[in-house]
Amino acid sequence: MVGALLLWFGWFGFNGGSALAFNSQVPRVLTNTLLAGVFGTVTVLAASLFAGGTPRVPTIINGVLAGLVAITASSLYVTSGSAVIIGAIGAMVMLAVTRLLLRLRIDDVVGAVPVHLGAGIWGTLAVALFSDRHSWERVSNLASNSLFNYRASSPASWSHSASSTSC
């Protein structure tokens, strides 16, 4: 359980760093990360209780991680309400993939495939489903600015500018 809390804490740094600057977007990213992890946990707990069983610690930990994995791609681009939905669905996808692996008799002791593959695919799709138009504009601007900065700072441009100024 302590390991899951340490991972969750590290996820704040990972997702918070996705803003690429310490600016006004970071609190939203951290809030979305927190909400997705919490609702991943709540979803797994509710599903366990609804099924008539008792919640198992490894399943709860995987619910937290599934929510965090699911929100990673979109933490900067979605609202808090969307983060709740993304985290909850990420946990449901994790539970479904876990059952599928058991049915297929594929051994995954720690649940890495359901958490990372299942919730990761869902999280990637969630970017397109839940982000708003303004977010896509920010991504487009970031990509074009990064590409321009890369070209301007590449060694090929240095040699070109050095040869053109040496005349």
Protein backbone atom coordinates (compact mmCIF):
# COMPACT_ATOMS: atom_id res chain seq x y z
CA MET A 1 0.00 0.00 0.00
CA VAL A 2 2.89 2.37 0.78
CA GLY A 3 4.34 1.63 -2.67
CA ALA A 4 1.09 2.69 -4.31
CA LEU A 5 1.09 5.94 -2.35
CA LEU A 6 4.68 6.60 -3.43
CA LEU A 7 3.74 5.95 -7.06
CA TRP A 8 0.76 8.25 -6.72
CA PHE A 9 2.97 10.99 -5.28
CA GLY A 10 5.44 10.53 -8.14
CA TRP A 11 2.59 10.76 -10.64
CA PHE A 12 1.98 14.33 -9.50
CA GLY A 13 5.51 15.23 -10.57
CA PHE A 14 5.21 13.32 -13.83
CA ASN A 15 1.84 14.78 -14.86
CA GLY A 16 2.65 18.18 -13.39
CA GLY A 17 5.77 18.30 -15.53
CA SER A 18 3.70 17.70 -18.64
CA ALA A 19 2.72 21.38 -18.55
CA LEU A 20 6.38 22.08 -19.48
CA ALA A 21 6.40 25.14 -17.19
CA PHE A 22 5.38 26.06 -13.68
CA ASN A 23 2.36 28.11 -14.72
CA SER A 24 -1.36 28.41 -14.12
CA GLN A 25 -2.06 25.05 -15.82
CA VAL A 26 -0.18 22.99 -13.21
CA PRO A 27 -2.91 23.13 -10.51
CA ARG A 28 -5.47 21.83 -13.01
CA VAL A 29 -3.14 18.99 -14.01
CA LEU A 30 -2.55 18.05 -10.37
CA THR A 31 -6.27 18.22 -9.59
CA ASN A 32 -7.12 16.01 -12.57
CA THR A 33 -4.43 13.53 -11.53
CA LEU A 34 -5.79 13.38 -7.99
CA LEU A 35 -9.40 12.99 -9.12
CA ALA A 36 -8.66 10.22 -11.60
CA GLY A 37 -6.74 8.22 -8.99
CA VAL A 38 -9.45 8.70 -6.38
CA PHE A 39 -12.26 7.71 -8.72
CA GLY A 40 -10.26 4.73 -9.97
CA THR A 41 -10.18 3.60 -6.35
CA VAL A 42 -13.84 4.39 -5.67
CA THR A 43 -14.92 2.53 -8.81
CA VAL A 44 -13.00 -0.61 -7.85
CA LEU A 45 -14.36 -0.48 -4.30
CA ALA A 46 -17.94 -0.02 -5.56
CA ALA A 47 -17.57 -2.83 -8.10
CA SER A 48 -16.20 -5.18 -5.43
CA LEU A 49 -19.01 -4.39 -3.01
CA PHE A 50 -21.64 -4.57 -5.76
CA ALA A 51 -20.39 -8.03 -6.77
CA GLY A 52 -20.91 -9.15 -3.17
CA GLY A 53 -17.26 -9.66 -2.38
CA THR A 54 -14.82 -7.91 -0.17
CA PRO A 55 -12.37 -5.50 -1.77
CA ARG A 56 -8.88 -6.98 -2.13
CA VAL A 57 -5.86 -4.75 -1.53
CA PRO A 58 -4.11 -5.61 -4.83
CA THR A 59 -7.30 -4.79 -6.75
CA ILE A 60 -7.65 -1.47 -4.92
CA ILE A 61 -4.03 -0.60 -5.72
CA ASN A 62 -4.60 -1.49 -9.37
CA GLY A 63 -7.71 0.72 -9.36
CA VAL A 64 -5.60 3.68 -8.23
CA LEU A 65 -2.97 2.93 -10.85
CA ALA A 66 -5.53 2.40 -13.62
CA GLY A 67 -7.05 5.81 -12.89
CA LEU A 68 -3.61 7.42 -12.94
CA VAL A 69 -2.55 5.66 -16.14
CA ALA A 70 -5.82 6.63 -17.82
CA ILE A 71 -5.49 10.35 -17.02
CA THR A 72 -1.80 10.70 -17.88
CA ALA A 73 -2.27 11.48 -21.58
CA SER A 74 -5.06 14.01 -21.03
CA SER A 75 -4.41 15.58 -17.61
CA LEU A 76 -3.56 18.93 -19.20
CA TYR A 77 -6.45 18.98 -21.66
CA VAL A 78 -9.62 17.93 -19.82
CA THR A 79 -11.92 19.34 -17.17
CA SER A 80 -12.13 17.96 -13.64
CA GLY A 81 -15.45 16.30 -14.42
CA SER A 82 -13.88 14.55 -17.38
CA ALA A 83 -10.97 13.44 -15.18
CA VAL A 84 -13.46 11.75 -12.85
CA ILE A 85 -15.05 9.88 -15.76
CA ILE A 86 -11.68 8.96 -17.31
CA GLY A 87 -10.36 7.58 -14.00
CA ALA A 88 -13.54 5.61 -13.30
CA ILE A 89 -13.70 4.10 -16.78
CA GLY A 90 -9.97 3.33 -16.58
CA ALA A 91 -10.66 1.27 -13.46
CA MET A 92 -13.58 -0.53 -15.13
CA VAL A 93 -11.40 -1.33 -18.14
CA MET A 94 -8.74 -2.68 -15.77
CA LEU A 95 -11.31 -4.94 -14.11
CA ALA A 96 -12.60 -6.17 -17.47
CA VAL A 97 -9.12 -6.94 -18.79
CA THR A 98 -8.29 -8.74 -15.53
CA ARG A 99 -11.34 -10.97 -15.99
CA LEU A 100 -10.46 -11.55 -19.64
CA LEU A 101 -6.94 -12.67 -18.73
CA LEU A 102 -8.32 -15.03 -16.08
CA ARG A 103 -10.80 -16.48 -18.59
CA LEU A 104 -7.99 -16.98 -21.12
CA ARG A 105 -5.81 -18.50 -18.37
CA ILE A 106 -3.06 -15.93 -18.89
CA ASP A 107 -1.06 -15.33 -15.74
CA ASP A 108 -0.41 -11.71 -14.80
CA VAL A 109 0.52 -11.81 -11.15
CA VAL A 110 0.58 -8.08 -10.42
CA GLY A 111 -1.99 -6.96 -13.01
CA ALA A 112 0.45 -4.97 -15.15
CA VAL A 113 -1.34 -5.74 -18.43
CA PRO A 114 -4.82 -4.65 -17.25
CA VAL A 115 -3.44 -1.49 -15.63
CA HIS A 116 -0.99 -0.35 -18.26
CA LEU A 117 -2.33 -1.80 -21.50
CA GLY A 118 -6.06 -1.68 -20.76
CA ALA A 119 -6.24 1.64 -18.93
CA GLY A 120 -3.50 3.07 -21.16
CA ILE A 121 -5.44 2.40 -24.35
CA TRP A 122 -8.55 3.86 -22.77
CA GLY A 123 -6.59 6.94 -21.62
CA THR A 124 -5.23 7.51 -25.11
CA LEU A 125 -8.72 7.34 -26.59
CA ALA A 126 -10.02 9.63 -23.84
CA VAL A 127 -7.80 12.46 -25.07
CA ALA A 128 -9.78 12.63 -28.29
CA LEU A 129 -13.14 12.09 -26.58
CA PHE A 130 -12.88 14.54 -23.68
CA SER A 131 -10.48 17.35 -24.56
CA ASP A 132 -11.91 20.65 -25.74
CA ARG A 133 -11.16 22.62 -28.89
CA HIS A 134 -8.92 25.11 -27.07
CA SER A 135 -6.77 22.24 -25.85
CA TRP A 136 -6.14 21.08 -29.40
CA GLU A 137 -5.09 24.61 -30.32
CA ARG A 138 -2.57 24.62 -27.43
CA VAL A 139 -1.20 21.26 -28.59
CA SER A 140 -0.88 22.52 -32.14
CA ASN A 141 0.90 25.69 -31.00
CA LEU A 142 3.20 23.70 -28.72
CA ALA A 143 4.09 21.28 -31.51
CA SER A 144 4.82 24.02 -34.03
CA ASN A 145 6.85 26.04 -31.54
CA SER A 146 8.83 22.98 -30.45
CA LEU A 147 9.53 22.02 -34.06
CA PHE A 148 10.66 25.56 -34.85
CA ASN A 149 12.92 25.67 -31.80
CA TYR A 150 14.38 22.28 -32.67
CA ARG A 151 15.21 23.37 -36.23
CA ALA A 152 16.71 26.64 -35.04
CA SER A 153 18.94 24.89 -32.53
CA SER A 154 19.98 21.87 -34.60
CA PRO A 155 23.68 21.45 -35.51
CA ALA A 156 22.77 21.55 -39.20
CA SER A 157 21.46 25.09 -38.82
CA TRP A 158 24.62 26.07 -36.93
CA SER A 159 26.88 24.95 -39.76
CA HIS A 160 24.62 26.61 -42.33
CA SER A 161 24.59 29.89 -40.45
CA ALA A 162 28.34 29.71 -39.81
CA SER A 163 29.10 29.12 -43.51
CA SER A 164 26.78 31.92 -44.62
CA THR A 165 28.32 34.46 -42.23
CA SER A 166 31.95 33.61 -43.00
CA CYS A 167 31.88 35.19 -46.49
